[in-house]
Amino acid sequence: MELKSEENKKRIILLLKVLLAQGIITMIAILIVSAILLKWNVSANFLQLAVIVIYLVSNFLGGFVIGKTVGKQKFLWGLIVGVLYFVVLSVVSFIIHKSFYGDVGYAMTVLGICAGSSMLGGMLS
C-alpha cells in the first residue's frame, strides 16, 4: 500500500511540474505576441489565431512530456493535463475578469483544443 501512495505523490508532483512548464510556455508566448502587437499593427484575427496556437503548442508539449515520463496510458495522462490546464486558465480568467466565459461555445472550443492537443502529445510521445 505504501508503494501506491508514493507513486501517486510522484504523479501529482509530475502533473504540477508539467502545468507549471505549460504556464511558463504560455507566458513567454504571450509576451512575444504582445511585442508583435506593439511593433506592428496586426488584426484581431491574428490575435485570435495566436492565442489558439499558444494553447495548441503549450498543451501538445505538456501532453508529450507527461506521456514520455509516465510511459503508460499516455493519452489519458495527456487528456488529464489538458483538462487541468483549461481549469487553471479558467480560474485565472475568472480572477481577472470576475466572470467565467460569456460564451459557452467558446469555452467548449478552448476545452476541446486544450484536451485534444495534450492528448495528441501524449499519444505521440
C-alpha atoms as a PDB file:
ATOM      1  CA  MET A   1       0.000   0.000   0.000  1.00  0.00           C
ATOM      2  CA  GLU A   2       2.902   2.317   0.751  1.00  0.00           C
ATOM      3  CA  LEU A   3       4.211   1.960  -2.816  1.00  0.00           C
ATOM      4  CA  LYS A   4       0.893   3.052  -4.313  1.00  0.00           C
ATOM      5  CA  SER A   5       0.800   6.153  -2.141  1.00  0.00           C
ATOM      6  CA  GLU A   6       4.373   7.070  -3.074  1.00  0.00           C
ATOM      7  CA  GLU A   7       3.619   6.542  -6.768  1.00  0.00           C
ATOM      8  CA  ASN A   8       0.539   8.784  -6.543  1.00  0.00           C
ATOM      9  CA  LYS A   9       2.594  11.540  -4.894  1.00  0.00           C
ATOM     10  CA  LYS A  10       5.132  11.339  -7.718  1.00  0.00           C
ATOM     11  CA  ARG A  11       2.372  11.588 -10.325  1.00  0.00           C
ATOM     12  CA  ILE A  12       0.810  14.621  -8.638  1.00  0.00           C
ATOM     13  CA  ILE A  13       4.194  16.339  -8.460  1.00  0.00           C
ATOM     14  CA  LEU A  14       4.773  15.489 -12.124  1.00  0.00           C
ATOM     15  CA  LEU A  15       1.365  16.955 -13.042  1.00  0.00           C
ATOM     16  CA  LEU A  16       2.160  20.154 -11.157  1.00  0.00           C
ATOM     17  CA  LYS A  17       5.576  20.441 -12.841  1.00  0.00           C
ATOM     18  CA  VAL A  18       4.058  19.963 -16.286  1.00  0.00           C
ATOM     19  CA  LEU A  19       1.341  22.539 -15.550  1.00  0.00           C
ATOM     20  CA  LEU A  20       3.991  24.991 -14.354  1.00  0.00           C
ATOM     21  CA  ALA A  21       6.013  24.411 -17.531  1.00  0.00           C
ATOM     22  CA  GLN A  22       2.881  24.945 -19.624  1.00  0.00           C
ATOM     23  CA  GLY A  23       2.214  28.184 -17.761  1.00  0.00           C
ATOM     24  CA  ILE A  24       5.753  29.393 -18.410  1.00  0.00           C
ATOM     25  CA  ILE A  25       5.486  28.491 -22.114  1.00  0.00           C
ATOM     26  CA  THR A  26       2.163  30.308 -22.295  1.00  0.00           C
ATOM     27  CA  MET A  27       3.531  33.432 -20.595  1.00  0.00           C
ATOM     28  CA  ILE A  28       6.581  33.574 -22.870  1.00  0.00           C
ATOM     29  CA  ALA A  29       4.404  33.133 -25.947  1.00  0.00           C
ATOM     30  CA  ILE A  30       2.015  35.864 -24.760  1.00  0.00           C
ATOM     31  CA  LEU A  31       4.965  38.212 -24.234  1.00  0.00           C
ATOM     32  CA  ILE A  32       6.154  37.514 -27.796  1.00  0.00           C
ATOM     33  CA  VAL A  33       2.662  38.127 -29.199  1.00  0.00           C
ATOM     34  CA  SER A  34       2.411  41.335 -27.141  1.00  0.00           C
ATOM     35  CA  ALA A  35       5.710  42.560 -28.584  1.00  0.00           C
ATOM     36  CA  ILE A  36       4.430  41.801 -32.080  1.00  0.00           C
ATOM     37  CA  LEU A  37       1.242  43.733 -31.336  1.00  0.00           C
ATOM     38  CA  LEU A  38       3.271  46.723 -30.108  1.00  0.00           C
ATOM     39  CA  LYS A  39       5.683  46.649 -33.044  1.00  0.00           C
ATOM     40  CA  TRP A  40       3.233  46.093 -35.896  1.00  0.00           C
ATOM     41  CA  ASN A  41      -0.388  46.925 -36.458  1.00  0.00           C
ATOM     42  CA  VAL A  42      -1.956  43.468 -36.749  1.00  0.00           C
ATOM     43  CA  SER A  43      -5.589  42.482 -36.997  1.00  0.00           C
ATOM     44  CA  ALA A  44      -7.786  40.973 -34.309  1.00  0.00           C
ATOM     45  CA  ASN A  45      -7.806  37.778 -36.369  1.00  0.00           C
ATOM     46  CA  PHE A  46      -4.045  37.482 -35.823  1.00  0.00           C
ATOM     47  CA  LEU A  47      -4.538  37.766 -32.089  1.00  0.00           C
ATOM     48  CA  GLN A  48      -7.238  35.074 -32.071  1.00  0.00           C
ATOM     49  CA  LEU A  49      -5.062  32.771 -34.159  1.00  0.00           C
ATOM     50  CA  ALA A  50      -2.036  33.432 -31.936  1.00  0.00           C
ATOM     51  CA  VAL A  51      -3.994  32.515 -28.794  1.00  0.00           C
ATOM     52  CA  ILE A  52      -5.180  29.266 -30.386  1.00  0.00           C
ATOM     53  CA  VAL A  53      -1.629  28.407 -31.470  1.00  0.00           C
ATOM     54  CA  ILE A  54      -0.370  29.140 -27.944  1.00  0.00           C
ATOM     55  CA  TYR A  55      -2.987  26.767 -26.499  1.00  0.00           C
ATOM     56  CA  LEU A  56      -2.110  24.094 -29.064  1.00  0.00           C
ATOM     57  CA  VAL A  57       1.649  24.260 -28.601  1.00  0.00           C
ATOM     58  CA  SER A  58       1.600  24.530 -24.818  1.00  0.00           C
ATOM     59  CA  ASN A  59      -0.796  21.619 -24.411  1.00  0.00           C
ATOM     60  CA  PHE A  60       0.876  19.435 -27.023  1.00  0.00           C
ATOM     61  CA  LEU A  61       4.224  19.868 -25.263  1.00  0.00           C
ATOM     62  CA  GLY A  62       2.658  19.219 -21.859  1.00  0.00           C
ATOM     63  CA  GLY A  63       0.995  16.046 -23.097  1.00  0.00           C
ATOM     64  CA  PHE A  64       4.196  14.939 -24.804  1.00  0.00           C
ATOM     65  CA  VAL A  65       6.299  15.438 -21.667  1.00  0.00           C
ATOM     66  CA  ILE A  66       3.872  13.674 -19.345  1.00  0.00           C
ATOM     67  CA  GLY A  67       3.429  10.837 -21.834  1.00  0.00           C
ATOM     68  CA  LYS A  68       7.187  10.332 -22.072  1.00  0.00           C
ATOM     69  CA  THR A  69       7.559  10.446 -18.308  1.00  0.00           C
ATOM     70  CA  VAL A  70       4.641   8.210 -17.301  1.00  0.00           C
ATOM     71  CA  GLY A  71       5.109   5.706 -20.128  1.00  0.00           C
ATOM     72  CA  LYS A  72       1.699   4.013 -19.926  1.00  0.00           C
ATOM     73  CA  GLN A  73      -1.807   5.287 -20.646  1.00  0.00           C
ATOM     74  CA  LYS A  74      -0.142   8.252 -22.334  1.00  0.00           C
ATOM     75  CA  PHE A  75      -3.316   9.545 -23.999  1.00  0.00           C
ATOM     76  CA  LEU A  76      -5.162   9.543 -20.670  1.00  0.00           C
ATOM     77  CA  TRP A  77      -2.387  11.456 -18.908  1.00  0.00           C
ATOM     78  CA  GLY A  78      -2.278  13.890 -21.817  1.00  0.00           C
ATOM     79  CA  LEU A  79      -6.020  14.390 -21.504  1.00  0.00           C
ATOM     80  CA  ILE A  80      -5.718  14.982 -17.752  1.00  0.00           C
ATOM     81  CA  VAL A  81      -3.006  17.612 -18.299  1.00  0.00           C
ATOM     82  CA  GLY A  82      -5.093  19.370 -20.959  1.00  0.00           C
ATOM     83  CA  VAL A  83      -8.219  19.496 -18.804  1.00  0.00           C
ATOM     84  CA  LEU A  84      -6.231  20.747 -15.804  1.00  0.00           C
ATOM     85  CA  TYR A  85      -4.622  23.428 -17.994  1.00  0.00           C
ATOM     86  CA  PHE A  86      -8.122  24.528 -19.058  1.00  0.00           C
ATOM     87  CA  VAL A  87      -9.269  24.620 -15.412  1.00  0.00           C
ATOM     88  CA  VAL A  88      -6.259  26.740 -14.399  1.00  0.00           C
ATOM     89  CA  LEU A  89      -6.828  29.009 -17.410  1.00  0.00           C
ATOM     90  CA  SER A  90     -10.493  29.395 -16.464  1.00  0.00           C
ATOM     91  CA  VAL A  91      -9.703  30.173 -12.819  1.00  0.00           C
ATOM     92  CA  VAL A  92      -7.135  32.816 -13.806  1.00  0.00           C
ATOM     93  CA  SER A  93      -9.631  34.288 -16.281  1.00  0.00           C
ATOM     94  CA  PHE A  94     -12.282  34.367 -13.542  1.00  0.00           C
ATOM     95  CA  ILE A  95      -9.911  36.138 -11.151  1.00  0.00           C
ATOM     96  CA  ILE A  96      -9.054  38.767 -13.778  1.00  0.00           C
ATOM     97  CA  HIS A  97     -12.497  39.295 -15.331  1.00  0.00           C
ATOM     98  CA  LYS A  98     -14.716  38.440 -12.324  1.00  0.00           C
ATOM     99  CA  SER A  99     -16.788  36.113 -14.529  1.00  0.00           C
ATOM    100  CA  PHE A 100     -16.445  32.858 -16.382  1.00  0.00           C
ATOM    101  CA  TYR A 101     -16.681  32.586 -20.130  1.00  0.00           C
ATOM    102  CA  GLY A 102     -19.573  34.614 -21.516  1.00  0.00           C
ATOM    103  CA  ASP A 103     -19.885  32.293 -24.490  1.00  0.00           C
ATOM    104  CA  VAL A 104     -20.252  28.631 -23.550  1.00  0.00           C
ATOM    105  CA  GLY A 105     -19.468  27.601 -27.124  1.00  0.00           C
ATOM    106  CA  TYR A 106     -16.108  29.377 -26.936  1.00  0.00           C
ATOM    107  CA  ALA A 107     -15.345  27.746 -23.582  1.00  0.00           C
ATOM    108  CA  MET A 108     -16.080  24.299 -25.016  1.00  0.00           C
ATOM    109  CA  THR A 109     -13.891  25.069 -28.032  1.00  0.00           C
ATOM    110  CA  VAL A 110     -10.999  26.068 -25.759  1.00  0.00           C
ATOM    111  CA  LEU A 111     -11.543  22.925 -23.670  1.00  0.00           C
ATOM    112  CA  GLY A 112     -11.504  20.825 -26.847  1.00  0.00           C
ATOM    113  CA  ILE A 113      -8.303  22.475 -28.077  1.00  0.00           C
ATOM    114  CA  CYS A 114      -6.567  22.023 -24.718  1.00  0.00           C
ATOM    115  CA  ALA A 115      -7.708  18.447 -24.145  1.00  0.00           C
ATOM    116  CA  GLY A 116      -7.246  17.326 -27.743  1.00  0.00           C
ATOM    117  CA  SER A 117      -3.785  18.768 -28.317  1.00  0.00           C
ATOM    118  CA  SER A 118      -2.436  17.495 -24.998  1.00  0.00           C
ATOM    119  CA  MET A 119      -3.935  14.058 -25.621  1.00  0.00           C
ATOM    120  CA  LEU A 120      -2.283  14.015 -29.056  1.00  0.00           C
ATOM    121  CA  GLY A 121       1.006  14.999 -27.465  1.00  0.00           C
ATOM    122  CA  GLY A 122       0.667  12.141 -25.007  1.00  0.00           C
ATOM    123  CA  MET A 123      -0.142   9.644 -27.756  1.00  0.00           C
ATOM    124  CA  LEU A 124       2.814  10.716 -29.910  1.00  0.00           C
ATOM    125  CA  SER A 125       5.299  10.610 -27.040  1.00  0.00           C
END
